[in-house]
Amino acid sequence: MTRLGWEELRPYLRDERPPDDSIVVVRGGPDTLAKLAVHARRTHDAYVLDGEPLWGISVYCALDDVGPASLDGLLRRFASYRAVHLPRTGQL
């Protein structure tokens, strides 16, 4: 935690290359621009990267062919959601 109560995210960043355009990003629930703005604001108010506030929303990436990090594994996790968004990283 920083002295202002924000959590520093640098220790949690992964050092591998960003996913290519074929990776599916999973976000559950009905999203609107207003809801995404609220979630981005919540991230901005809670976290910093290298001491600077940042904007963001939470998503999962289907990185594996099988198992919990596969698309099938993630979709099981989101089975109770009415809507699940599945853009590819290249679309974002």
C-alpha atoms as a PDB file:
ATOM      1  CA  MET A   1       0.000   0.000   0.000  1.00  0.00           C
ATOM      2  CA  THR A   2       1.126   3.499  -0.705  1.00  0.00           C
ATOM      3  CA  ARG A   3       0.856   6.152   1.953  1.00  0.00           C
ATOM      4  CA  LEU A   4      -2.467   7.323   0.462  1.00  0.00           C
ATOM      5  CA  GLY A   5      -3.958   3.826   0.645  1.00  0.00           C
ATOM      6  CA  TRP A   6      -3.597   2.977  -3.040  1.00  0.00           C
ATOM      7  CA  GLU A   7      -2.231  -0.472  -3.805  1.00  0.00           C
ATOM      8  CA  GLU A   8       0.850  -0.557  -6.049  1.00  0.00           C
ATOM      9  CA  LEU A   9       0.337  -3.000  -8.933  1.00  0.00           C
ATOM     10  CA  ARG A  10       3.964  -3.262 -10.142  1.00  0.00           C
ATOM     11  CA  PRO A  11       4.655  -6.415  -8.036  1.00  0.00           C
ATOM     12  CA  TYR A  12       1.717  -8.180  -9.721  1.00  0.00           C
ATOM     13  CA  LEU A  13       2.631  -7.461 -13.339  1.00  0.00           C
ATOM     14  CA  ARG A  14       3.667 -10.414 -15.435  1.00  0.00           C
ATOM     15  CA  ASP A  15       6.803 -10.142 -17.543  1.00  0.00           C
ATOM     16  CA  GLU A  16       5.783 -12.219 -20.558  1.00  0.00           C
ATOM     17  CA  ARG A  17       4.876 -10.737 -23.919  1.00  0.00           C
ATOM     18  CA  PRO A  18       1.334  -9.415 -24.292  1.00  0.00           C
ATOM     19  CA  PRO A  19      -1.123 -11.906 -25.778  1.00  0.00           C
ATOM     20  CA  ASP A  20      -1.463 -11.943 -29.539  1.00  0.00           C
ATOM     21  CA  ASP A  21      -4.628 -11.011 -31.412  1.00  0.00           C
ATOM     22  CA  SER A  22      -6.010 -14.548 -31.181  1.00  0.00           C
ATOM     23  CA  ILE A  23      -6.443 -14.528 -27.384  1.00  0.00           C
ATOM     24  CA  VAL A  24     -10.056 -14.281 -26.218  1.00  0.00           C
ATOM     25  CA  VAL A  25     -10.808 -11.810 -23.416  1.00  0.00           C
ATOM     26  CA  VAL A  26     -13.692 -12.773 -21.117  1.00  0.00           C
ATOM     27  CA  ARG A  27     -15.827 -10.334 -19.131  1.00  0.00           C
ATOM     28  CA  GLY A  28     -19.120 -11.358 -17.580  1.00  0.00           C
ATOM     29  CA  GLY A  29     -22.321  -9.477 -17.018  1.00  0.00           C
ATOM     30  CA  PRO A  30     -24.297  -6.859 -18.853  1.00  0.00           C
ATOM     31  CA  ASP A  31     -21.978  -3.942 -19.562  1.00  0.00           C
ATOM     32  CA  THR A  32     -22.832  -0.393 -20.476  1.00  0.00           C
ATOM     33  CA  LEU A  33     -20.491   2.524 -20.978  1.00  0.00           C
ATOM     34  CA  ALA A  34     -21.698   3.926 -17.657  1.00  0.00           C
ATOM     35  CA  LYS A  35     -20.943   0.663 -15.828  1.00  0.00           C
ATOM     36  CA  LEU A  36     -17.493   0.392 -17.407  1.00  0.00           C
ATOM     37  CA  ALA A  37     -16.802   4.003 -16.393  1.00  0.00           C
ATOM     38  CA  VAL A  38     -17.772   3.217 -12.781  1.00  0.00           C
ATOM     39  CA  HIS A  39     -15.473   0.170 -12.735  1.00  0.00           C
ATOM     40  CA  ALA A  40     -12.611   2.131 -14.311  1.00  0.00           C
ATOM     41  CA  ARG A  41     -13.082   4.884 -11.699  1.00  0.00           C
ATOM     42  CA  ARG A  42     -13.009   2.282  -8.908  1.00  0.00           C
ATOM     43  CA  THR A  43      -9.676   0.980 -10.240  1.00  0.00           C
ATOM     44  CA  HIS A  44      -8.358   4.537 -10.564  1.00  0.00           C
ATOM     45  CA  ASP A  45      -9.284   5.271  -6.943  1.00  0.00           C
ATOM     46  CA  ALA A  46      -7.759   2.061  -5.538  1.00  0.00           C
ATOM     47  CA  TYR A  47      -4.569   1.291  -7.496  1.00  0.00           C
ATOM     48  CA  VAL A  48      -1.404   2.895  -8.807  1.00  0.00           C
ATOM     49  CA  LEU A  49       1.302   1.750 -11.190  1.00  0.00           C
ATOM     50  CA  ASP A  50       4.740   3.119 -10.368  1.00  0.00           C
ATOM     51  CA  GLY A  51       3.054   5.570  -8.029  1.00  0.00           C
ATOM     52  CA  GLU A  52       0.629   6.949 -10.641  1.00  0.00           C
ATOM     53  CA  PRO A  53      -3.137   6.276 -10.659  1.00  0.00           C
ATOM     54  CA  LEU A  54      -4.358   4.202 -13.590  1.00  0.00           C
ATOM     55  CA  TRP A  55      -7.646   3.371 -15.282  1.00  0.00           C
ATOM     56  CA  GLY A  56      -8.799  -0.185 -15.887  1.00  0.00           C
ATOM     57  CA  ILE A  57     -11.468  -2.846 -15.720  1.00  0.00           C
ATOM     58  CA  SER A  58     -11.110  -6.501 -14.785  1.00  0.00           C
ATOM     59  CA  VAL A  59     -11.103  -9.207 -17.440  1.00  0.00           C
ATOM     60  CA  TYR A  60      -9.870 -12.759 -17.825  1.00  0.00           C
ATOM     61  CA  CYS A  61      -7.856 -14.044 -20.794  1.00  0.00           C
ATOM     62  CA  ALA A  62      -8.208 -17.542 -22.228  1.00  0.00           C
ATOM     63  CA  LEU A  63      -4.501 -18.384 -22.397  1.00  0.00           C
ATOM     64  CA  ASP A  64      -4.541 -22.199 -22.400  1.00  0.00           C
ATOM     65  CA  ASP A  65      -6.121 -24.875 -24.596  1.00  0.00           C
ATOM     66  CA  VAL A  66      -7.360 -26.914 -21.606  1.00  0.00           C
ATOM     67  CA  GLY A  67      -7.871 -26.352 -17.899  1.00  0.00           C
ATOM     68  CA  PRO A  68      -9.080 -23.416 -15.805  1.00  0.00           C
ATOM     69  CA  ALA A  69      -7.373 -20.784 -18.016  1.00  0.00           C
ATOM     70  CA  SER A  70      -8.913 -22.189 -21.212  1.00  0.00           C
ATOM     71  CA  LEU A  71     -11.968 -20.610 -22.806  1.00  0.00           C
ATOM     72  CA  ASP A  72     -14.096 -23.592 -21.684  1.00  0.00           C
ATOM     73  CA  GLY A  73     -12.747 -23.290 -18.141  1.00  0.00           C
ATOM     74  CA  LEU A  74     -13.469 -19.573 -18.004  1.00  0.00           C
ATOM     75  CA  LEU A  75     -16.956 -19.976 -19.455  1.00  0.00           C
ATOM     76  CA  ARG A  76     -17.772 -22.445 -16.666  1.00  0.00           C
ATOM     77  CA  ARG A  77     -16.789 -19.732 -14.191  1.00  0.00           C
ATOM     78  CA  PHE A  78     -19.188 -17.306 -15.880  1.00  0.00           C
ATOM     79  CA  ALA A  79     -22.062 -19.796 -16.276  1.00  0.00           C
ATOM     80  CA  SER A  80     -24.377 -17.772 -14.021  1.00  0.00           C
ATOM     81  CA  TYR A  81     -23.982 -14.526 -15.996  1.00  0.00           C
ATOM     82  CA  ARG A  82     -26.759 -13.473 -18.398  1.00  0.00           C
ATOM     83  CA  ALA A  83     -24.186 -12.045 -20.793  1.00  0.00           C
ATOM     84  CA  VAL A  84     -20.543 -12.839 -21.413  1.00  0.00           C
ATOM     85  CA  HIS A  85     -18.409 -10.669 -23.663  1.00  0.00           C
ATOM     86  CA  LEU A  86     -15.731 -12.429 -25.733  1.00  0.00           C
ATOM     87  CA  PRO A  87     -13.671  -9.929 -27.752  1.00  0.00           C
ATOM     88  CA  ARG A  88     -10.210 -10.873 -28.954  1.00  0.00           C
ATOM     89  CA  THR A  89      -7.236  -8.841 -27.782  1.00  0.00           C
ATOM     90  CA  GLY A  90      -6.803  -7.406 -31.264  1.00  0.00           C
ATOM     91  CA  GLN A  91     -10.299  -5.908 -31.110  1.00  0.00           C
ATOM     92  CA  LEU A  92      -9.493  -4.072 -27.886  1.00  0.00           C
END
